[in-house]
Protein backbone atom coordinates (compact mmCIF):
# COMPACT_ATOMS: atom_id res chain seq x y z
CA MET A 1 51.90 -74.80 87.95
CA PRO A 2 48.93 -72.82 89.28
CA GLU A 3 49.69 -70.42 92.11
CA ILE A 4 47.36 -69.80 95.05
CA LYS A 5 47.65 -66.69 97.23
CA VAL A 6 47.21 -67.38 100.93
CA VAL A 7 45.47 -64.33 102.43
CA SER A 8 44.83 -63.18 105.98
CA GLU A 9 41.23 -63.00 107.13
CA VAL A 10 42.09 -60.40 109.80
CA ALA A 11 44.19 -57.28 110.16
CA GLY A 12 46.95 -57.40 112.75
CA ARG A 13 50.64 -58.07 113.39
CA VAL A 14 52.40 -61.16 112.04
CA CYS A 15 53.67 -62.93 115.16
CA ALA A 16 54.92 -66.25 113.71
CA LEU A 17 55.79 -67.88 110.40
CA PRO A 18 55.98 -71.67 110.97
CA VAL A 19 56.90 -72.42 107.33
CA GLU A 20 59.50 -71.11 104.91
CA ALA A 21 59.89 -70.93 101.14
CA GLY A 22 60.31 -74.42 99.70
CA SER A 23 58.28 -76.12 102.44
CA HIS A 24 55.44 -78.44 101.47
CA VAL A 25 52.02 -77.70 102.98
CA GLY A 26 48.70 -79.48 102.98
CA ASP A 27 45.23 -78.03 102.62
CA GLY A 28 44.49 -76.35 105.97
CA ASP A 29 48.11 -76.23 107.19
CA GLU A 30 49.13 -73.09 109.08
CA VAL A 31 51.32 -70.70 107.10
CA ALA A 32 51.36 -67.72 109.49
CA PHE A 33 49.90 -66.47 112.77
CA VAL A 34 48.46 -62.97 113.08
CA GLU A 35 47.99 -61.28 116.45
CA ALA A 36 44.71 -59.38 116.57
CA MET A 37 42.83 -58.29 119.70
CA LYS A 38 45.37 -60.16 121.88
CA MET A 39 44.63 -63.45 120.10
CA GLU A 40 46.83 -65.44 117.72
CA ILE A 41 44.80 -66.26 114.61
CA PRO A 42 46.18 -68.84 112.16
CA VAL A 43 46.38 -68.11 108.45
CA THR A 44 45.95 -71.44 106.66
CA SER A 45 46.70 -72.68 103.18
CA THR A 46 43.68 -73.30 100.98
CA ALA A 47 45.49 -75.89 98.85
CA ALA A 48 48.22 -78.50 99.12
CA GLY A 49 51.53 -77.69 97.46
CA LYS A 50 54.91 -76.06 97.92
CA ILE A 51 55.46 -72.59 99.38
CA LYS A 52 56.84 -70.50 96.51
CA SER A 53 57.35 -67.37 98.59
CA ILE A 54 56.52 -65.76 101.91
CA LEU A 55 55.35 -62.17 101.35
CA VAL A 56 55.51 -60.92 104.96
CA SER A 57 57.94 -60.94 107.89
CA VAL A 58 57.45 -61.37 111.62
CA ASP A 59 56.26 -58.08 113.21
CA ASP A 60 54.80 -56.76 109.91
CA VAL A 61 51.41 -55.10 110.31
CA ILE A 62 49.05 -56.48 107.66
CA ALA A 63 45.56 -55.70 106.44
CA GLU A 64 42.54 -57.96 106.12
CA GLY A 65 42.72 -59.75 102.76
CA GLN A 66 46.46 -59.16 102.35
CA PRO A 67 48.41 -62.06 100.80
CA VAL A 68 50.98 -63.59 103.15
CA ALA A 69 52.33 -66.40 100.94
CA ILE A 70 52.09 -67.99 97.51
CA VAL A 71 51.57 -71.77 97.16
CA GLU A 72 52.35 -73.69 93.96
CA THR A 73 49.91 -76.57 93.52
């Protein structure tokens, strides 16, 4: 199965992870929320599939373009 990396468009602190490994997601579903400039910015899946792994934890500080999860399509 092809794997898609879900990446953050902003740098900040991971404040929520509404899904877990094994969950099914649709295209555009929220995988994580990143707090940046006192705003919660959603990180969304770019494809439908199953979450293979979550690469970050709540309170991790991440960079722009950093993968947060891998989705199997």
